[in-house]
C-alpha atoms as a PDB file:
ATOM      1  CA  MET A   1      16.945  97.114  70.213  1.00  0.00           C
ATOM      2  CA  PRO A   2      19.069  95.101  67.766  1.00  0.00           C
ATOM      3  CA  ILE A   3      17.081  93.144  65.198  1.00  0.00           C
ATOM      4  CA  LYS A   4      18.536  90.446  62.951  1.00  0.00           C
ATOM      5  CA  ILE A   5      16.514  89.142  60.029  1.00  0.00           C
ATOM      6  CA  ARG A   6      17.711  86.077  58.129  1.00  0.00           C
ATOM      7  CA  MET A   7      15.947  84.891  54.999  1.00  0.00           C
ATOM      8  CA  LEU A   8      17.103  81.322  54.578  1.00  0.00           C
ATOM      9  CA  ASN A   9      17.626  79.885  51.122  1.00  0.00           C
ATOM     10  CA  VAL A  10      14.955  77.217  50.826  1.00  0.00           C
ATOM     11  CA  GLY A  11      14.327  77.485  47.102  1.00  0.00           C
ATOM     12  CA  ASN A  12      10.882  78.678  46.071  1.00  0.00           C
ATOM     13  CA  ALA A  13       9.620  78.493  49.650  1.00  0.00           C
ATOM     14  CA  ASP A  14       9.799  80.763  52.694  1.00  0.00           C
ATOM     15  CA  ALA A  15      11.706  80.553  55.964  1.00  0.00           C
ATOM     16  CA  ILE A  16      12.606  83.695  57.874  1.00  0.00           C
ATOM     17  CA  ILE A  17      14.320  83.904  61.252  1.00  0.00           C
ATOM     18  CA  ILE A  18      13.982  87.102  63.254  1.00  0.00           C
ATOM     19  CA  GLU A  19      16.082  87.683  66.347  1.00  0.00           C
ATOM     20  CA  LEU A  20      15.232  90.512  68.737  1.00  0.00           C
ATOM     21  CA  GLU A  21      17.208  91.561  71.786  1.00  0.00           C
ATOM     22  CA  LYS A  22      16.401  94.110  74.482  1.00  0.00           C
ATOM     23  CA  ALA A  23      18.644  94.346  77.525  1.00  0.00           C
ATOM     24  CA  SER A  24      19.408  90.708  78.331  1.00  0.00           C
ATOM     25  CA  LYS A  25      16.133  89.375  76.931  1.00  0.00           C
ATOM     26  CA  LYS A  26      16.235  87.599  73.563  1.00  0.00           C
ATOM     27  CA  LEU A  27      13.360  86.531  71.343  1.00  0.00           C
ATOM     28  CA  THR A  28      13.622  84.368  68.218  1.00  0.00           C
ATOM     29  CA  LEU A  29      10.801  84.032  65.701  1.00  0.00           C
ATOM     30  CA  LEU A  30      10.600  81.538  62.869  1.00  0.00           C
ATOM     31  CA  VAL A  31       8.273  82.686  60.104  1.00  0.00           C
ATOM     32  CA  ASP A  32       7.232  79.747  57.905  1.00  0.00           C
ATOM     33  CA  GLY A  33       9.154  76.531  57.507  1.00  0.00           C
ATOM     34  CA  GLY A  34       9.833  75.902  53.858  1.00  0.00           C
ATOM     35  CA  GLU A  35       8.196  73.190  51.787  1.00  0.00           C
ATOM     36  CA  THR A  36      10.030  69.946  52.529  1.00  0.00           C
ATOM     37  CA  LYS A  37      12.037  68.016  55.106  1.00  0.00           C
ATOM     38  CA  GLU A  38      15.171  69.178  53.299  1.00  0.00           C
ATOM     39  CA  HIS A  39      14.117  72.782  53.890  1.00  0.00           C
ATOM     40  CA  ALA A  40      13.440  72.006  57.556  1.00  0.00           C
ATOM     41  CA  ASP A  41      16.896  70.420  57.789  1.00  0.00           C
ATOM     42  CA  LYS A  42      18.434  73.705  56.569  1.00  0.00           C
ATOM     43  CA  ILE A  43      16.430  75.665  59.125  1.00  0.00           C
ATOM     44  CA  ILE A  44      17.379  73.302  61.947  1.00  0.00           C
ATOM     45  CA  ALA A  45      21.048  73.351  60.923  1.00  0.00           C
ATOM     46  CA  TYR A  46      21.049  77.162  60.954  1.00  0.00           C
ATOM     47  CA  LEU A  47      19.352  77.344  64.359  1.00  0.00           C
ATOM     48  CA  ASP A  48      21.642  74.694  65.859  1.00  0.00           C
ATOM     49  CA  ASN A  49      24.729  76.390  64.416  1.00  0.00           C
ATOM     50  CA  LYS A  50      23.699  79.679  66.037  1.00  0.00           C
ATOM     51  CA  GLY A  51      22.686  77.981  69.278  1.00  0.00           C
ATOM     52  CA  ILE A  52      19.164  79.373  69.180  1.00  0.00           C
ATOM     53  CA  VAL A  53      15.664  77.918  69.479  1.00  0.00           C
ATOM     54  CA  PRO A  54      12.585  79.705  68.143  1.00  0.00           C
ATOM     55  CA  ASN A  55      10.379  81.106  70.913  1.00  0.00           C
ATOM     56  CA  ILE A  56       7.566  81.811  68.481  1.00  0.00           C
ATOM     57  CA  LEU A  57       6.714  79.917  65.308  1.00  0.00           C
ATOM     58  CA  ILE A  58       4.586  81.879  62.821  1.00  0.00           C
ATOM     59  CA  CYS A  59       2.696  80.244  59.971  1.00  0.00           C
ATOM     60  CA  THR A  60       1.612  82.995  57.580  1.00  0.00           C
ATOM     61  CA  HIS A  61      -0.765  80.820  55.563  1.00  0.00           C
ATOM     62  CA  LEU A  62      -1.471  77.201  54.731  1.00  0.00           C
ATOM     63  CA  HIS A  63       0.326  76.758  51.409  1.00  0.00           C
ATOM     64  CA  GLN A  64       2.775  73.866  51.199  1.00  0.00           C
ATOM     65  CA  ASP A  65       5.770  76.116  50.510  1.00  0.00           C
ATOM     66  CA  HIS A  66       5.198  77.795  53.879  1.00  0.00           C
ATOM     67  CA  ILE A  67       4.141  74.885  56.108  1.00  0.00           C
ATOM     68  CA  GLY A  68       5.688  71.755  54.583  1.00  0.00           C
ATOM     69  CA  GLY A  69       8.796  71.821  56.769  1.00  0.00           C
ATOM     70  CA  LEU A  70       7.069  72.885  59.988  1.00  0.00           C
ATOM     71  CA  PRO A  71       6.236  69.356  61.250  1.00  0.00           C
ATOM     72  CA  PHE A  72       9.965  68.562  61.191  1.00  0.00           C
ATOM     73  CA  VAL A  73      10.879  71.799  62.973  1.00  0.00           C
ATOM     74  CA  LEU A  74       8.191  71.070  65.573  1.00  0.00           C
ATOM     75  CA  GLY A  75       9.544  67.548  65.942  1.00  0.00           C
ATOM     76  CA  LYS A  76      12.917  69.001  66.892  1.00  0.00           C
ATOM     77  CA  TYR A  77      11.913  72.026  68.997  1.00  0.00           C
ATOM     78  CA  GLY A  78       8.218  71.504  69.791  1.00  0.00           C
ATOM     79  CA  LYS A  79       8.467  71.471  73.581  1.00  0.00           C
ATOM     80  CA  LYS A  80      10.789  74.467  73.572  1.00  0.00           C
ATOM     81  CA  ILE A  81       8.585  76.707  71.394  1.00  0.00           C
ATOM     82  CA  ASP A  82       6.503  79.032  73.574  1.00  0.00           C
ATOM     83  CA  GLN A  83       3.854  80.044  71.030  1.00  0.00           C
ATOM     84  CA  ILE A  84       2.589  79.086  67.600  1.00  0.00           C
ATOM     85  CA  TRP A  85       0.770  81.707  65.563  1.00  0.00           C
ATOM     86  CA  ALA A  86      -1.193  80.427  62.582  1.00  0.00           C
ATOM     87  CA  HIS A  87      -3.259  82.309  60.060  1.00  0.00           C
END
């Protein structure tokens, strides 16, 4: 099963995209969303450039540098995200 892990450069914040593929089934996870709208814009640009949408959004904990960009990501992909996991 191929696994791709991308740690996006969002300064002193976190945003990790994990792509899993088994047979023809693909799963994309977004772990944390950076701190600001600018961080969310980088995440959205990356996802759009790759033509992927996160199936699962994971919020590791409620510090600003992990959740600050998530409202903007949800605004873009909210109805397409299957699950949200929050600590």
